[in-house]
N, C-alpha and C. Protein backbone atom coordinates (compact mmCIF):
# COMPACT_ATOMS: atom_id res chain seq x y z
N MET A 1 0.84 -1.19 0.00
CA MET A 1 0.00 0.00 0.00
C MET A 1 0.88 1.25 0.00
N LYS A 2 0.62 2.16 -0.91
CA LYS A 2 1.41 3.38 -1.04
C LYS A 2 1.04 4.36 0.06
N LYS A 3 2.07 4.99 0.65
CA LYS A 3 1.79 5.96 1.70
C LYS A 3 1.13 7.18 1.09
N LYS A 4 0.42 7.92 1.91
CA LYS A 4 -0.29 9.11 1.45
C LYS A 4 0.69 10.24 1.23
N ASP A 5 0.68 10.83 0.04
CA ASP A 5 1.60 11.91 -0.31
C ASP A 5 0.92 13.27 -0.33
N VAL A 6 -0.43 13.30 -0.45
CA VAL A 6 -1.16 14.56 -0.56
C VAL A 6 -2.40 14.47 0.33
N PHE A 7 -2.71 15.60 1.01
CA PHE A 7 -3.82 15.61 1.95
C PHE A 7 -4.83 16.71 1.61
N THR A 8 -6.09 16.49 1.97
CA THR A 8 -7.12 17.51 1.86
C THR A 8 -7.04 18.40 3.10
N THR A 9 -7.71 19.53 3.08
CA THR A 9 -7.72 20.40 4.26
C THR A 9 -8.39 19.70 5.44
N GLY A 10 -9.41 18.89 5.17
CA GLY A 10 -10.07 18.14 6.24
C GLY A 10 -9.13 17.14 6.89
N GLN A 11 -8.34 16.45 6.08
CA GLN A 11 -7.39 15.49 6.63
C GLN A 11 -6.31 16.19 7.46
N VAL A 12 -5.84 17.34 6.96
CA VAL A 12 -4.83 18.12 7.69
C VAL A 12 -5.42 18.60 9.02
N ALA A 13 -6.68 19.04 8.99
CA ALA A 13 -7.34 19.50 10.22
C ALA A 13 -7.38 18.38 11.25
N GLN A 14 -7.70 17.17 10.82
CA GLN A 14 -7.77 16.04 11.73
C GLN A 14 -6.37 15.71 12.29
N ILE A 15 -5.37 15.72 11.43
CA ILE A 15 -3.99 15.43 11.85
C ILE A 15 -3.50 16.46 12.86
N CYS A 16 -3.81 17.73 12.62
CA CYS A 16 -3.33 18.82 13.48
C CYS A 16 -4.26 19.16 14.63
N SER A 17 -5.39 18.46 14.71
CA SER A 17 -6.40 18.68 15.77
C SER A 17 -6.91 20.12 15.78
N VAL A 18 -7.29 20.61 14.60
CA VAL A 18 -7.87 21.95 14.46
C VAL A 18 -9.10 21.85 13.56
N ALA A 19 -9.83 22.95 13.46
CA ALA A 19 -11.00 23.00 12.57
C ALA A 19 -10.54 23.12 11.11
N PRO A 20 -11.30 22.55 10.17
CA PRO A 20 -10.94 22.68 8.76
C PRO A 20 -10.77 24.13 8.31
N ARG A 21 -11.57 25.03 8.87
CA ARG A 21 -11.48 26.46 8.51
C ARG A 21 -10.09 27.02 8.88
N THR A 22 -9.52 26.53 9.98
CA THR A 22 -8.18 26.97 10.39
C THR A 22 -7.15 26.58 9.33
N VAL A 23 -7.26 25.37 8.82
CA VAL A 23 -6.33 24.90 7.78
C VAL A 23 -6.50 25.76 6.52
N THR A 24 -7.75 26.08 6.18
CA THR A 24 -8.01 26.93 5.02
C THR A 24 -7.34 28.30 5.20
N LYS A 25 -7.42 28.84 6.40
CA LYS A 25 -6.75 30.13 6.67
C LYS A 25 -5.24 30.01 6.53
N TRP A 26 -4.67 28.92 7.07
CA TRP A 26 -3.23 28.71 6.94
C TRP A 26 -2.83 28.67 5.47
N PHE A 27 -3.62 27.94 4.68
CA PHE A 27 -3.35 27.79 3.25
C PHE A 27 -3.47 29.14 2.54
N ASP A 28 -4.60 29.82 2.74
CA ASP A 28 -4.87 31.08 2.04
C ASP A 28 -3.87 32.18 2.41
N SER A 29 -3.33 32.14 3.63
CA SER A 29 -2.36 33.16 4.04
C SER A 29 -0.94 32.82 3.58
N GLY A 30 -0.76 31.62 3.01
CA GLY A 30 0.56 31.22 2.52
C GLY A 30 1.43 30.55 3.56
N GLN A 31 0.91 30.38 4.79
CA GLN A 31 1.70 29.71 5.84
C GLN A 31 1.88 28.22 5.53
N LEU A 32 0.83 27.62 4.99
CA LEU A 32 0.85 26.20 4.63
C LEU A 32 0.80 26.12 3.11
N LYS A 33 1.86 25.60 2.53
CA LYS A 33 1.97 25.56 1.07
C LYS A 33 1.25 24.35 0.50
N GLY A 34 0.70 24.54 -0.68
CA GLY A 34 0.00 23.47 -1.37
C GLY A 34 -0.48 23.98 -2.72
N TYR A 35 -1.55 23.38 -3.23
CA TYR A 35 -2.08 23.81 -4.53
C TYR A 35 -3.59 23.60 -4.54
N ARG A 36 -4.23 24.26 -5.48
CA ARG A 36 -5.68 24.09 -5.68
C ARG A 36 -5.90 23.12 -6.84
N ILE A 37 -6.96 22.35 -6.74
CA ILE A 37 -7.36 21.46 -7.83
C ILE A 37 -7.86 22.36 -8.97
N PRO A 38 -7.33 22.20 -10.19
CA PRO A 38 -7.79 23.06 -11.30
C PRO A 38 -9.30 22.99 -11.48
N GLY A 39 -9.92 24.17 -11.63
CA GLY A 39 -11.36 24.26 -11.83
C GLY A 39 -12.16 24.04 -10.55
N SER A 40 -11.51 24.11 -9.42
CA SER A 40 -12.17 23.85 -8.15
C SER A 40 -11.59 24.77 -7.07
N ARG A 41 -12.29 24.85 -5.96
CA ARG A 41 -11.76 25.61 -4.82
C ARG A 41 -11.04 24.69 -3.84
N ASP A 42 -11.07 23.38 -4.13
CA ASP A 42 -10.45 22.40 -3.24
C ASP A 42 -8.94 22.60 -3.18
N ARG A 43 -8.40 22.46 -1.98
CA ARG A 43 -6.98 22.63 -1.74
C ARG A 43 -6.35 21.28 -1.43
N ARG A 44 -5.08 21.12 -1.82
CA ARG A 44 -4.33 19.91 -1.51
C ARG A 44 -2.97 20.31 -0.93
N ILE A 45 -2.54 19.57 0.08
CA ILE A 45 -1.28 19.86 0.74
C ILE A 45 -0.37 18.63 0.62
N PRO A 46 0.77 18.78 -0.07
CA PRO A 46 1.74 17.67 -0.17
C PRO A 46 2.33 17.33 1.21
N LEU A 47 2.65 16.06 1.39
CA LEU A 47 3.18 15.57 2.66
C LEU A 47 4.40 16.37 3.11
N HIS A 48 5.36 16.61 2.21
CA HIS A 48 6.58 17.30 2.63
C HIS A 48 6.29 18.73 3.11
N GLN A 49 5.28 19.39 2.52
CA GLN A 49 4.90 20.73 2.97
C GLN A 49 4.22 20.67 4.34
N LEU A 50 3.40 19.65 4.54
CA LEU A 50 2.72 19.48 5.82
C LEU A 50 3.73 19.22 6.94
N ILE A 51 4.71 18.35 6.68
CA ILE A 51 5.74 18.06 7.68
C ILE A 51 6.51 19.33 8.02
N LYS A 52 6.91 20.07 7.01
CA LYS A 52 7.67 21.31 7.23
C LYS A 52 6.85 22.29 8.08
N PHE A 53 5.57 22.45 7.75
CA PHE A 53 4.69 23.36 8.49
C PHE A 53 4.54 22.91 9.94
N MET A 54 4.27 21.62 10.13
CA MET A 54 4.06 21.10 11.48
C MET A 54 5.32 21.26 12.33
N GLN A 55 6.47 20.97 11.76
CA GLN A 55 7.71 21.10 12.52
C GLN A 55 8.01 22.56 12.87
N SER A 56 7.75 23.47 11.93
CA SER A 56 8.05 24.88 12.20
C SER A 56 7.09 25.48 13.23
N HIS A 57 5.93 24.84 13.45
CA HIS A 57 4.97 25.33 14.43
C HIS A 57 4.86 24.40 15.65
N ASN A 58 5.85 23.53 15.80
CA ASN A 58 5.90 22.60 16.94
C ASN A 58 4.64 21.77 17.11
N ILE A 59 4.04 21.38 16.00
CA ILE A 59 2.88 20.49 16.03
C ILE A 59 3.41 19.06 15.91
N PRO A 60 3.08 18.19 16.85
CA PRO A 60 3.59 16.81 16.79
C PRO A 60 3.20 16.12 15.48
N THR A 61 4.16 15.40 14.90
CA THR A 61 3.92 14.69 13.63
C THR A 61 3.56 13.23 13.86
N ASP A 62 3.22 12.88 15.10
CA ASP A 62 2.91 11.48 15.43
C ASP A 62 1.75 10.92 14.61
N GLU A 63 0.81 11.78 14.24
CA GLU A 63 -0.38 11.32 13.50
C GLU A 63 -0.06 10.96 12.05
N LEU A 64 1.10 11.38 11.58
CA LEU A 64 1.48 11.08 10.20
C LEU A 64 2.14 9.71 10.14
N ASP A 65 1.72 8.92 9.19
CA ASP A 65 2.37 7.63 8.97
C ASP A 65 3.28 7.83 7.77
N CYS A 66 4.47 8.33 8.03
CA CYS A 66 5.39 8.65 6.93
C CYS A 66 6.17 7.44 6.44
N GLY A 67 6.06 6.34 7.13
CA GLY A 67 6.82 5.18 6.72
C GLY A 67 8.30 5.36 7.03
N ARG A 68 9.12 4.52 6.44
CA ARG A 68 10.56 4.60 6.68
C ARG A 68 11.17 5.70 5.82
N LEU A 69 12.23 6.29 6.32
CA LEU A 69 12.96 7.32 5.61
C LEU A 69 13.78 6.65 4.51
N LYS A 70 13.53 7.04 3.26
CA LYS A 70 14.19 6.41 2.12
C LYS A 70 15.45 7.19 1.74
N ILE A 71 16.56 6.47 1.69
CA ILE A 71 17.86 7.07 1.39
C ILE A 71 18.46 6.36 0.18
N LEU A 72 19.01 7.15 -0.75
CA LEU A 72 19.74 6.60 -1.89
C LEU A 72 21.17 7.10 -1.81
N ILE A 73 22.12 6.18 -1.74
CA ILE A 73 23.54 6.52 -1.71
C ILE A 73 24.10 6.28 -3.10
N ILE A 74 24.75 7.30 -3.66
CA ILE A 74 25.36 7.18 -4.99
C ILE A 74 26.87 7.30 -4.80
N ASP A 75 27.58 6.22 -5.09
CA ASP A 75 29.03 6.18 -4.90
C ASP A 75 29.60 5.18 -5.90
N ALA A 76 30.56 5.60 -6.70
CA ALA A 76 31.19 4.71 -7.68
C ALA A 76 31.93 3.57 -7.00
N ASN A 77 32.33 3.76 -5.76
CA ASN A 77 32.98 2.72 -4.99
C ASN A 77 31.89 1.88 -4.31
N ARG A 78 31.50 0.80 -4.98
CA ARG A 78 30.39 -0.02 -4.49
C ARG A 78 30.65 -0.56 -3.08
N GLU A 79 31.88 -0.89 -2.78
CA GLU A 79 32.21 -1.42 -1.46
C GLU A 79 31.95 -0.37 -0.37
N SER A 80 32.34 0.86 -0.64
CA SER A 80 32.11 1.96 0.31
C SER A 80 30.61 2.21 0.48
N ALA A 81 29.89 2.23 -0.64
CA ALA A 81 28.44 2.47 -0.59
C ALA A 81 27.73 1.36 0.18
N THR A 82 28.13 0.12 -0.05
CA THR A 82 27.54 -1.02 0.63
C THR A 82 27.79 -0.94 2.14
N GLU A 83 29.00 -0.57 2.51
CA GLU A 83 29.36 -0.46 3.92
C GLU A 83 28.51 0.61 4.63
N ILE A 84 28.37 1.77 3.98
CA ILE A 84 27.56 2.84 4.56
C ILE A 84 26.09 2.42 4.64
N ALA A 85 25.59 1.85 3.53
CA ALA A 85 24.18 1.42 3.49
C ALA A 85 23.89 0.38 4.56
N ASP A 86 24.77 -0.61 4.71
CA ASP A 86 24.55 -1.65 5.71
C ASP A 86 24.55 -1.09 7.13
N SER A 87 25.43 -0.11 7.38
CA SER A 87 25.48 0.50 8.71
C SER A 87 24.21 1.28 9.01
N ILE A 88 23.70 2.01 8.02
CA ILE A 88 22.51 2.83 8.25
C ILE A 88 21.27 1.95 8.36
N LYS A 89 21.14 0.95 7.48
CA LYS A 89 19.90 0.17 7.48
C LYS A 89 19.83 -0.85 8.60
N SER A 90 20.83 -0.85 9.48
CA SER A 90 20.69 -1.69 10.68
C SER A 90 19.58 -1.14 11.57
N ASP A 91 19.23 0.15 11.36
CA ASP A 91 18.10 0.76 12.06
C ASP A 91 16.88 0.61 11.15
N PRO A 92 15.82 -0.05 11.61
CA PRO A 92 14.67 -0.34 10.75
C PRO A 92 13.89 0.89 10.27
N LYS A 93 14.17 2.07 10.80
CA LYS A 93 13.43 3.24 10.33
C LYS A 93 13.99 3.80 9.02
N TYR A 94 15.09 3.19 8.52
CA TYR A 94 15.68 3.63 7.26
C TYR A 94 15.55 2.55 6.20
N ASP A 95 15.18 2.99 4.99
CA ASP A 95 15.13 2.12 3.83
C ASP A 95 16.24 2.63 2.91
N VAL A 96 17.35 1.90 2.85
CA VAL A 96 18.55 2.38 2.18
C VAL A 96 18.83 1.61 0.89
N HIS A 97 19.14 2.36 -0.16
CA HIS A 97 19.50 1.80 -1.46
C HIS A 97 20.81 2.45 -1.89
N TYR A 98 21.52 1.81 -2.81
CA TYR A 98 22.74 2.44 -3.32
C TYR A 98 22.92 2.13 -4.79
N ALA A 99 23.63 3.03 -5.44
CA ALA A 99 23.91 2.90 -6.87
C ALA A 99 25.36 3.29 -7.10
N SER A 100 26.00 2.67 -8.10
CA SER A 100 27.40 2.98 -8.37
C SER A 100 27.60 3.70 -9.70
N THR A 101 26.51 3.95 -10.43
CA THR A 101 26.60 4.73 -11.67
C THR A 101 25.45 5.73 -11.71
N GLY A 102 25.61 6.76 -12.52
CA GLY A 102 24.55 7.74 -12.68
C GLY A 102 23.29 7.12 -13.25
N PHE A 103 23.46 6.20 -14.20
CA PHE A 103 22.31 5.54 -14.82
C PHE A 103 21.54 4.71 -13.79
N GLU A 104 22.27 3.92 -13.02
CA GLU A 104 21.65 3.09 -11.98
C GLU A 104 20.95 3.99 -10.95
N ALA A 105 21.59 5.11 -10.62
CA ALA A 105 21.00 6.06 -9.67
C ALA A 105 19.69 6.62 -10.20
N GLY A 106 19.64 6.95 -11.48
CA GLY A 106 18.42 7.49 -12.08
C GLY A 106 17.28 6.50 -12.03
N LEU A 107 17.58 5.25 -12.34
CA LEU A 107 16.54 4.21 -12.28
C LEU A 107 16.03 4.02 -10.86
N LEU A 108 16.95 3.95 -9.91
CA LEU A 108 16.55 3.76 -8.51
C LEU A 108 15.77 4.96 -7.97
N ALA A 109 16.20 6.16 -8.33
CA ALA A 109 15.51 7.37 -7.85
C ALA A 109 14.06 7.37 -8.31
N GLN A 110 13.81 6.98 -9.54
CA GLN A 110 12.45 6.93 -10.07
C GLN A 110 11.63 5.83 -9.39
N LYS A 111 12.26 4.72 -9.09
CA LYS A 111 11.56 3.59 -8.48
C LYS A 111 11.29 3.83 -6.99
N VAL A 112 12.30 4.31 -6.26
CA VAL A 112 12.23 4.43 -4.81
C VAL A 112 11.65 5.78 -4.36
N VAL A 113 11.90 6.86 -5.12
CA VAL A 113 11.56 8.24 -4.75
C VAL A 113 12.10 8.51 -3.33
N PRO A 114 13.43 8.63 -3.22
CA PRO A 114 14.04 8.79 -1.90
C PRO A 114 13.75 10.14 -1.26
N ASN A 115 13.78 10.16 0.07
CA ASN A 115 13.67 11.42 0.81
C ASN A 115 14.99 12.17 0.73
N VAL A 116 16.09 11.40 0.79
CA VAL A 116 17.43 12.00 0.78
C VAL A 116 18.33 11.19 -0.15
N ILE A 117 19.11 11.91 -0.96
CA ILE A 117 20.13 11.28 -1.80
C ILE A 117 21.48 11.76 -1.30
N ILE A 118 22.39 10.81 -1.09
CA ILE A 118 23.77 11.13 -0.71
C ILE A 118 24.64 10.82 -1.91
N ILE A 119 25.37 11.82 -2.40
CA ILE A 119 26.24 11.62 -3.56
C ILE A 119 27.69 11.79 -3.14
N SER A 120 28.49 10.75 -3.36
CA SER A 120 29.92 10.83 -3.07
C SER A 120 30.60 11.68 -4.13
N LEU A 121 31.42 12.61 -3.68
CA LEU A 121 32.18 13.47 -4.59
C LEU A 121 33.59 12.92 -4.80
N LEU A 122 33.87 11.75 -4.27
CA LEU A 122 35.21 11.20 -4.30
C LEU A 122 35.55 10.48 -5.60
N SER A 123 34.63 10.42 -6.54
CA SER A 123 34.88 9.73 -7.79
C SER A 123 34.55 10.63 -8.97
N SER A 124 35.45 10.65 -9.94
CA SER A 124 35.20 11.43 -11.15
C SER A 124 34.21 10.72 -12.09
N GLU A 125 33.88 9.47 -11.76
CA GLU A 125 32.96 8.70 -12.60
C GLU A 125 31.50 9.13 -12.42
N ILE A 126 31.22 9.85 -11.35
CA ILE A 126 29.84 10.29 -11.08
C ILE A 126 29.78 11.80 -11.19
N ASP A 127 28.90 12.29 -12.05
CA ASP A 127 28.73 13.73 -12.24
C ASP A 127 27.68 14.23 -11.23
N ALA A 128 28.15 14.58 -10.05
CA ALA A 128 27.26 14.94 -8.95
C ALA A 128 26.43 16.18 -9.26
N ILE A 129 27.01 17.16 -9.92
CA ILE A 129 26.29 18.39 -10.25
C ILE A 129 25.15 18.08 -11.22
N SER A 130 25.42 17.27 -12.21
CA SER A 130 24.39 16.89 -13.18
C SER A 130 23.25 16.11 -12.50
N ILE A 131 23.61 15.20 -11.61
CA ILE A 131 22.58 14.44 -10.88
C ILE A 131 21.73 15.39 -10.04
N SER A 132 22.38 16.33 -9.36
CA SER A 132 21.66 17.30 -8.54
C SER A 132 20.67 18.10 -9.38
N LYS A 133 21.11 18.58 -10.54
CA LYS A 133 20.22 19.36 -11.42
C LYS A 133 19.05 18.51 -11.89
N THR A 134 19.32 17.26 -12.24
CA THR A 134 18.26 16.37 -12.72
C THR A 134 17.22 16.14 -11.64
N VAL A 135 17.67 15.88 -10.42
CA VAL A 135 16.75 15.64 -9.31
C VAL A 135 15.88 16.87 -9.06
N HIS A 136 16.50 18.06 -9.05
CA HIS A 136 15.74 19.28 -8.76
C HIS A 136 14.74 19.65 -9.84
N THR A 137 14.91 19.14 -11.05
CA THR A 137 13.97 19.46 -12.13
C THR A 137 12.92 18.37 -12.35
N ASP A 138 13.03 17.27 -11.63
CA ASP A 138 12.08 16.17 -11.78
C ASP A 138 10.91 16.38 -10.81
N PRO A 139 9.69 16.58 -11.32
CA PRO A 139 8.53 16.82 -10.44
C PRO A 139 8.31 15.70 -9.42
N GLN A 140 8.61 14.47 -9.80
CA GLN A 140 8.41 13.34 -8.89
C GLN A 140 9.37 13.40 -7.70
N LEU A 141 10.53 14.05 -7.88
CA LEU A 141 11.55 14.11 -6.83
C LEU A 141 11.59 15.47 -6.16
N GLN A 142 10.51 16.22 -6.25
CA GLN A 142 10.43 17.59 -5.73
C GLN A 142 10.84 17.69 -4.26
N GLY A 143 10.47 16.73 -3.46
CA GLY A 143 10.77 16.80 -2.03
C GLY A 143 12.08 16.15 -1.63
N THR A 144 12.83 15.62 -2.60
CA THR A 144 14.08 14.93 -2.31
C THR A 144 15.20 15.92 -2.00
N LYS A 145 15.93 15.68 -0.93
CA LYS A 145 17.08 16.50 -0.56
C LYS A 145 18.35 15.79 -0.98
N ILE A 146 19.37 16.59 -1.35
CA ILE A 146 20.62 16.02 -1.86
C ILE A 146 21.78 16.47 -0.98
N LEU A 147 22.55 15.49 -0.51
CA LEU A 147 23.71 15.77 0.31
C LEU A 147 24.98 15.36 -0.43
N ALA A 148 25.98 16.24 -0.43
CA ALA A 148 27.28 15.93 -1.01
C ALA A 148 28.12 15.27 0.08
N MET A 149 28.86 14.23 -0.30
CA MET A 149 29.69 13.53 0.68
C MET A 149 31.13 13.47 0.18
N ALA A 150 32.04 13.96 0.99
CA ALA A 150 33.47 13.87 0.71
C ALA A 150 34.20 14.09 2.03
N ASP A 151 35.45 13.69 2.07
CA ASP A 151 36.23 13.90 3.28
C ASP A 151 36.77 15.31 3.31
N LYS A 152 36.71 15.91 4.47
CA LYS A 152 37.29 17.23 4.73
C LYS A 152 36.74 18.34 3.83
N ILE A 153 35.41 18.47 3.79
CA ILE A 153 34.79 19.60 3.09
C ILE A 153 34.85 20.79 4.03
N ASN A 154 35.53 21.85 3.59
CA ASN A 154 35.61 23.04 4.45
C ASN A 154 34.40 23.93 4.21
N LYS A 155 34.29 24.99 4.99
CA LYS A 155 33.13 25.89 4.92
C LYS A 155 32.98 26.50 3.54
N SER A 156 34.08 26.91 2.92
CA SER A 156 34.04 27.51 1.59
C SER A 156 33.53 26.52 0.55
N ASP A 157 34.06 25.27 0.60
CA ASP A 157 33.60 24.22 -0.31
C ASP A 157 32.11 23.94 -0.10
N SER A 158 31.71 23.90 1.16
CA SER A 158 30.31 23.65 1.50
C SER A 158 29.40 24.72 0.90
N GLU A 159 29.80 25.97 1.02
CA GLU A 159 29.00 27.08 0.46
C GLU A 159 28.90 26.97 -1.05
N ILE A 160 29.99 26.58 -1.71
CA ILE A 160 29.98 26.41 -3.17
C ILE A 160 29.02 25.29 -3.55
N LEU A 161 29.10 24.17 -2.83
CA LEU A 161 28.22 23.03 -3.14
C LEU A 161 26.75 23.41 -2.94
N ILE A 162 26.45 24.12 -1.88
CA ILE A 162 25.07 24.53 -1.63
C ILE A 162 24.60 25.49 -2.73
N SER A 163 25.47 26.35 -3.20
CA SER A 163 25.10 27.26 -4.29
C SER A 163 24.86 26.51 -5.60
N ARG A 164 25.40 25.30 -5.69
CA ARG A 164 25.23 24.48 -6.90
C ARG A 164 24.09 23.48 -6.78
N GLY A 165 23.27 23.62 -5.72
CA GLY A 165 22.06 22.80 -5.64
C GLY A 165 22.03 21.73 -4.58
N PHE A 166 23.10 21.59 -3.83
CA PHE A 166 23.08 20.60 -2.75
C PHE A 166 22.40 21.21 -1.53
N ASP A 167 21.79 20.36 -0.72
CA ASP A 167 21.08 20.81 0.47
C ASP A 167 21.92 20.70 1.73
N GLY A 168 23.09 20.12 1.62
CA GLY A 168 23.98 19.98 2.76
C GLY A 168 25.18 19.14 2.38
N CYS A 169 26.11 19.00 3.33
CA CYS A 169 27.35 18.27 3.07
C CYS A 169 27.65 17.32 4.22
N ILE A 170 28.22 16.19 3.86
CA ILE A 170 28.71 15.21 4.83
C ILE A 170 30.22 15.24 4.72
N GLN A 171 30.88 15.53 5.84
CA GLN A 171 32.32 15.77 5.80
C GLN A 171 33.17 14.54 6.06
N ASP A 172 32.58 13.47 6.53
CA ASP A 172 33.38 12.27 6.84
C ASP A 172 32.56 11.03 6.52
N LYS A 173 32.94 10.35 5.45
CA LYS A 173 32.17 9.18 5.01
C LYS A 173 32.27 8.00 5.97
N ASP A 174 33.21 8.05 6.90
CA ASP A 174 33.36 6.97 7.86
C ASP A 174 32.59 7.22 9.17
N ASP A 175 32.03 8.41 9.31
CA ASP A 175 31.28 8.78 10.51
C ASP A 175 29.79 8.51 10.29
N ILE A 176 29.38 7.27 10.55
CA ILE A 176 27.99 6.86 10.30
C ILE A 176 27.03 7.69 11.13
N THR A 177 27.38 7.98 12.38
CA THR A 177 26.52 8.81 13.23
C THR A 177 26.34 10.19 12.60
N GLY A 178 27.42 10.76 12.08
CA GLY A 178 27.36 12.07 11.41
C GLY A 178 26.52 12.01 10.14
N ILE A 179 26.64 10.92 9.40
CA ILE A 179 25.84 10.75 8.18
C ILE A 179 24.36 10.70 8.54
N ILE A 180 24.02 9.90 9.55
CA ILE A 180 22.61 9.79 9.97
C ILE A 180 22.10 11.14 10.45
N ARG A 181 22.91 11.87 11.20
CA ARG A 181 22.53 13.21 11.68
C ARG A 181 22.25 14.13 10.49
N SER A 182 23.11 14.08 9.47
CA SER A 182 22.92 14.92 8.28
C SER A 182 21.65 14.54 7.52
N VAL A 183 21.39 13.23 7.42
CA VAL A 183 20.19 12.74 6.75
C VAL A 183 18.94 13.20 7.50
N GLU A 184 18.96 13.05 8.81
CA GLU A 184 17.82 13.46 9.64
C GLU A 184 17.57 14.98 9.49
N LYS A 185 18.65 15.75 9.52
CA LYS A 185 18.53 17.20 9.39
C LYS A 185 17.92 17.55 8.03
N ALA A 186 18.42 16.93 6.97
CA ALA A 186 17.91 17.21 5.63
C ALA A 186 16.46 16.79 5.49
N SER A 187 16.09 15.64 6.07
CA SER A 187 14.71 15.17 5.94
C SER A 187 13.74 16.04 6.71
N CYS A 188 14.23 16.79 7.70
CA CYS A 188 13.37 17.69 8.46
C CYS A 188 13.13 19.01 7.76
N ILE A 189 13.90 19.28 6.69
CA ILE A 189 13.72 20.53 5.96
C ILE A 189 13.12 20.27 4.60
N LEU A 190 12.36 19.20 4.47
CA LEU A 190 11.71 18.90 3.19
C LEU A 190 10.94 20.13 2.75
N SER A 191 11.18 20.54 1.53
CA SER A 191 10.56 21.80 1.08
C SER A 191 9.41 21.56 0.13
């Protein structure tokens, strides 16, 4: 069964324990982002926008059944990717996949629709900037966050990567706790 990706104002009202009119006001004022059904006054709120709104207003997200956090690791070094994936997926709240080529990554991204993509910058075989641009222009991957991963990324490098479309950086591929922290941080800022 596919998890719910879009909600009506009534469903949002029930999740947030408020009146439907309150949700309509949030939507109409621009506080809660979403879209209107063409030719109708009905409003729809995507899951990632609802999560962002709830977190920014300290509304508990317990009522949301978001399922497991889906992560796609892209690294030309399959052994490194496997090691990271195995370490992360030891926690059942993560659904981790990995790819070692841009083509394989594209296929998996379309199939899995990950919440977060981690791209290793340590290999010239993977065009991380091109992958980032592709993800950001794909409507199906609108809520996906992209993290650059390399050893010893300094503040200047990090700023350059963020200006090129990345949502954050992982500075140590061997620090699984740090990787998980970065993934969690990125998944909390779903836009």
